[in-house]
Structure formats: structure tokens, C-alpha cells
């Protein structure tokens, strides 16, 4: 009986220690959850602020692009009519105009931003095309082996890397016009096949 009481006392002590440790861990877990919630809120605020900054930057870039086009149109007109303008405002006036035109021609930040926007939009389009192909296959609209669909999907996605190193359209004519012409030809073949 004495042994049973001793074991019971040991178990009571162990249980009390475990309950104390459990309470401490629960408190730590509660604190971690509170910190995670605060971090999630901070992350949400940071994302919202980032989205706002991106929208503002995009709006500024669009305005800058429009302004740049207007300045270029002005430059084209001035360039084509330099003699008449020189007679009207004199050589010094033309020098002022030419200096201002020259200064507006160098906008590396705008050029870099617009290049980034074009690249991002192009990559989104490439991702969309590859996803459409994958979805068509996954939903049974393509009766091709997986290896062929995989190769074509990879080829589409690799276009991003190809264009990153050479952003100009390829000389082989593989552009949107090529695809549109192919679609017209395929549609004509299908119509012709249906008519026969």
C-alpha cells in the first residue's frame, strides 16, 4: 500500500510538472499566435502600401510616356521647320529650343520602367498561353502524348528567357502575325474538310 501511495505521489508530482509546462507552452503558443497575427497585419499593410505605390508609379509612368510623346511631336515639328522658326525667334531662340529638346530625349528611368512594364506584360502573356495549353490537355481537349504537350509547354515558357536576352522579334517570322495567319489557314482547312 505504501508503494502505491509513493507511486501515486510521483504521478501527481509529474502531472503537476507537466501541467505547469503545458501552461507555459500554451502561454508561449498564445504569444507566438499574437506575434504571427501582428506580423500578418503588418504584411497586409505592407502589401497594400506596395500595391498603392505600384499603382502610383504606373500612373506617373503613363503620364510621363504621354508627355514624352508630346515633346517628341513638338521636336519633330520644330526639326522640320527650323529655318522658319529661326527667322521668327532668331538663332538664340532656336538654340534654347534645341537644348530643351535634347534634354528631354534622355530619360533612362522612364525607359527602364517602360521596359520593365513591357517585359512583365509579355511574361504574363507567355504564362497565360502556356497555362491555356496545359489546361486544354488536362481537361481532355488535346489528344496528344504527355511528352509532346510537355515539350511544347516548356518551349512556350522558355520564350521568356529567349526574349530576355533578345527582346526584338525573331527574324524567322515567329510573331503574333504568324500565329494569326496559321489560325486562318487551319480554319480554312477545317471549313474545306467539312464542305467535302
Protein backbone atom coordinates (compact mmCIF):
# COMPACT_ATOMS: atom_id res chain seq x y z
CA UNK A 1 0.00 0.00 0.00
CA UNK A 2 2.85 2.31 0.86
CA UNK A 3 4.39 1.65 -2.53
CA UNK A 4 1.13 2.54 -4.23
CA UNK A 5 0.92 5.81 -2.33
CA UNK A 6 4.52 6.66 -3.29
CA UNK A 7 3.86 5.94 -6.98
CA UNK A 8 0.66 7.94 -6.79
CA UNK A 9 2.58 10.86 -5.25
CA UNK A 10 5.21 10.60 -8.00
CA UNK A 11 2.49 10.65 -10.64
CA UNK A 12 0.80 13.62 -9.00
CA UNK A 13 4.14 15.47 -8.96
CA UNK A 14 4.84 14.52 -12.60
CA UNK A 15 1.33 15.57 -13.65
CA UNK A 16 1.69 18.88 -11.82
CA UNK A 17 5.04 19.50 -13.53
CA UNK A 18 3.56 18.57 -16.92
CA UNK A 19 0.53 20.80 -16.32
CA UNK A 20 2.85 23.66 -15.40
CA UNK A 21 4.95 23.04 -18.52
CA UNK A 22 1.79 22.74 -20.62
CA UNK A 23 0.55 26.08 -19.26
CA UNK A 24 3.92 27.69 -20.05
CA UNK A 25 3.87 26.24 -23.58
CA UNK A 26 0.26 27.39 -24.03
CA UNK A 27 1.29 30.90 -22.98
CA UNK A 28 4.22 30.81 -25.43
CA UNK A 29 1.94 29.50 -28.17
CA UNK A 30 -0.56 32.27 -27.45
CA UNK A 31 2.25 34.83 -27.63
CA UNK A 32 3.51 33.31 -30.90
CA UNK A 33 -0.03 33.39 -32.32
CA UNK A 34 -0.36 37.04 -31.30
CA UNK A 35 3.00 37.82 -32.92
CA UNK A 36 2.01 35.95 -36.07
CA UNK A 37 -1.27 37.84 -36.22
CA UNK A 38 0.60 41.12 -35.82
CA UNK A 39 3.10 40.04 -38.49
CA UNK A 40 0.25 39.11 -40.84
CA UNK A 41 -1.36 42.51 -40.26
CA UNK A 42 1.97 44.25 -40.88
CA UNK A 43 2.47 42.17 -44.02
CA UNK A 44 -1.04 43.03 -45.22
CA UNK A 45 -0.39 46.74 -44.65
CA UNK A 46 2.97 46.47 -46.43
CA UNK A 47 1.33 44.71 -49.39
CA UNK A 48 -1.39 47.35 -49.58
CA UNK A 49 1.22 50.11 -49.43
CA UNK A 50 3.26 48.37 -52.12
CA UNK A 51 0.20 47.99 -54.35
CA UNK A 52 -0.58 51.68 -53.88
CA UNK A 53 3.00 52.64 -54.76
CA UNK A 54 2.93 50.41 -57.85
CA UNK A 55 -0.36 51.99 -58.97
CA UNK A 56 1.03 55.47 -58.41
CA UNK A 57 4.24 54.58 -60.23
CA UNK A 58 2.27 53.14 -63.14
CA UNK A 59 0.14 56.29 -63.34
CA UNK A 60 3.23 58.51 -63.28
CA UNK A 61 4.91 56.40 -65.93
CA UNK A 62 1.83 56.60 -68.15
CA UNK A 63 1.71 60.38 -67.76
CA UNK A 64 5.44 60.59 -68.39
CA UNK A 65 5.07 58.46 -71.52
CA UNK A 66 2.28 60.73 -72.80
CA UNK A 67 4.35 63.83 -72.05
CA UNK A 68 7.34 62.33 -73.78
CA UNK A 69 5.26 61.61 -76.89
CA UNK A 70 4.00 65.21 -76.89
CA UNK A 71 7.56 66.53 -76.59
CA UNK A 72 8.67 64.22 -79.41
CA UNK A 73 5.84 65.51 -81.63
CA UNK A 74 6.93 69.07 -80.83
CA UNK A 75 10.54 68.15 -81.63
CA UNK A 76 9.51 66.65 -84.95
CA UNK A 77 7.63 69.81 -85.93
CA UNK A 78 10.47 72.08 -84.80
CA UNK A 79 13.02 69.91 -86.59
CA UNK A 80 11.05 70.07 -89.82
CA UNK A 81 10.59 73.86 -89.57
CA UNK A 82 13.92 75.01 -88.13
CA UNK A 83 14.50 77.64 -90.84
CA UNK A 84 11.09 79.27 -90.37
CA UNK A 85 11.45 79.23 -86.58
CA UNK A 86 14.96 80.65 -86.82
CA UNK A 87 13.63 83.58 -88.85
CA UNK A 88 10.91 84.17 -86.26
CA UNK A 89 12.82 83.76 -82.96
CA UNK A 90 16.42 84.10 -84.10
CA UNK A 91 19.37 81.78 -83.72
CA UNK A 92 19.50 82.15 -79.94
CA UNK A 93 15.83 81.15 -79.66
CA UNK A 94 16.47 78.06 -81.78
CA UNK A 95 19.45 77.15 -79.57
CA UNK A 96 17.22 77.32 -76.49
CA UNK A 97 14.61 75.11 -78.17
CA UNK A 98 17.24 72.60 -79.35
CA UNK A 99 18.82 72.44 -75.88
CA UNK A 100 15.43 71.77 -74.30
CA UNK A 101 14.63 69.11 -76.91
CA UNK A 102 18.00 67.46 -76.33
CA UNK A 103 17.47 67.37 -72.56
CA UNK A 104 14.10 65.64 -72.88
CA UNK A 105 15.49 62.93 -75.12
CA UNK A 106 17.42 61.28 -72.27
CA UNK A 107 15.01 59.67 -69.81
CA UNK A 108 16.73 56.48 -68.62
CA UNK A 109 14.43 55.97 -65.63
CA UNK A 110 11.35 56.18 -67.87
CA UNK A 111 12.94 53.93 -70.48
CA UNK A 112 13.88 51.37 -67.82
CA UNK A 113 10.42 51.45 -66.26
CA UNK A 114 8.63 51.08 -69.59
CA UNK A 115 10.94 48.19 -70.49
CA UNK A 116 10.04 46.56 -67.17
CA UNK A 117 6.32 47.04 -67.83
CA UNK A 118 6.66 45.56 -71.33
CA UNK A 119 8.65 42.59 -70.03
CA UNK A 120 6.16 41.96 -67.24
CA UNK A 121 3.19 42.13 -69.61
CA UNK A 122 4.95 39.91 -72.15
CA UNK A 123 5.77 37.34 -69.45
CA UNK A 124 2.17 37.37 -68.23
CA UNK A 125 1.03 36.67 -71.79
CA UNK A 126 3.51 33.82 -72.18
CA UNK A 127 2.46 32.31 -68.84
CA UNK A 128 -1.18 32.63 -69.89
CA UNK A 129 -0.54 30.86 -73.22
CA UNK A 130 1.34 28.01 -71.53
CA UNK A 131 -1.38 27.68 -68.88
CA UNK A 132 -4.10 27.56 -71.53
CA UNK A 133 -2.26 24.75 -73.33
CA UNK A 134 -1.77 22.81 -70.09
CA UNK A 135 -5.42 23.28 -69.12
CA UNK A 136 -6.61 22.17 -72.56
CA UNK A 137 -4.56 18.99 -72.23
CA UNK A 138 -5.54 18.33 -68.60
CA UNK A 139 -9.24 18.66 -69.48
CA UNK A 140 -9.05 16.31 -72.46
CA UNK A 141 -9.18 18.83 -75.32
CA UNK A 142 -5.82 17.71 -76.74
CA UNK A 143 -5.31 14.15 -77.92
CA UNK A 144 -1.51 14.21 -77.81
CA UNK A 145 1.07 12.31 -75.77
CA UNK A 146 2.12 13.92 -72.49
CA UNK A 147 5.70 14.20 -73.77
CA UNK A 148 4.62 16.37 -76.73
CA UNK A 149 2.47 18.64 -74.59
CA UNK A 150 5.30 18.89 -72.06
CA UNK A 151 7.79 19.85 -74.79
CA UNK A 152 5.50 22.49 -76.28
CA UNK A 153 4.62 23.93 -72.86
CA UNK A 154 8.31 24.13 -71.95
CA UNK A 155 9.05 25.73 -75.31
CA UNK A 156 6.39 28.38 -74.70
CA UNK A 157 7.71 29.12 -71.21
CA UNK A 158 11.33 29.24 -72.42
CA UNK A 159 10.32 32.10 -74.69
CA UNK A 160 10.57 34.38 -71.63
CA UNK A 161 14.28 33.61 -71.34
CA UNK A 162 14.79 33.91 -75.10
CA UNK A 163 13.15 37.34 -75.16
CA UNK A 164 15.01 38.48 -72.04
CA UNK A 165 18.29 38.19 -73.93
CA UNK A 166 16.91 39.39 -77.28
CA UNK A 167 13.72 41.46 -76.89
CA UNK A 168 13.29 42.05 -80.62
CA UNK A 169 11.02 39.72 -82.59
CA UNK A 170 12.83 36.85 -84.24
CA UNK A 171 13.87 37.15 -87.88
CA UNK A 172 12.19 33.82 -88.65
CA UNK A 173 8.77 35.48 -88.63
CA UNK A 174 7.51 33.74 -85.50
CA UNK A 175 5.35 36.55 -84.24
CA UNK A 176 1.70 37.09 -83.45
CA UNK A 177 1.08 37.61 -87.15
CA UNK A 178 2.47 34.14 -87.87
CA UNK A 179 0.07 32.58 -85.35
CA UNK A 180 -2.90 34.58 -86.67
CA UNK A 181 -2.11 33.55 -90.25
CA UNK A 182 -1.80 29.91 -89.16
CA UNK A 183 -5.17 30.08 -87.42
CA UNK A 184 -6.77 31.47 -90.59
CA UNK A 185 -5.20 28.68 -92.68
CA UNK A 186 -6.27 25.96 -90.24
CA UNK A 187 -9.81 27.34 -90.09
CA UNK A 188 -9.93 27.37 -93.91
CA UNK A 189 -8.72 23.76 -93.99
CA UNK A 190 -11.39 22.75 -91.48
CA UNK A 191 -14.10 24.53 -93.47
CA UNK A 192 -12.85 22.90 -96.65
CA UNK A 193 -12.84 19.48 -94.97
CA UNK A 194 -16.38 19.98 -93.69
CA UNK A 195 -17.56 21.07 -97.14
CA UNK A 196 -16.19 17.90 -98.79
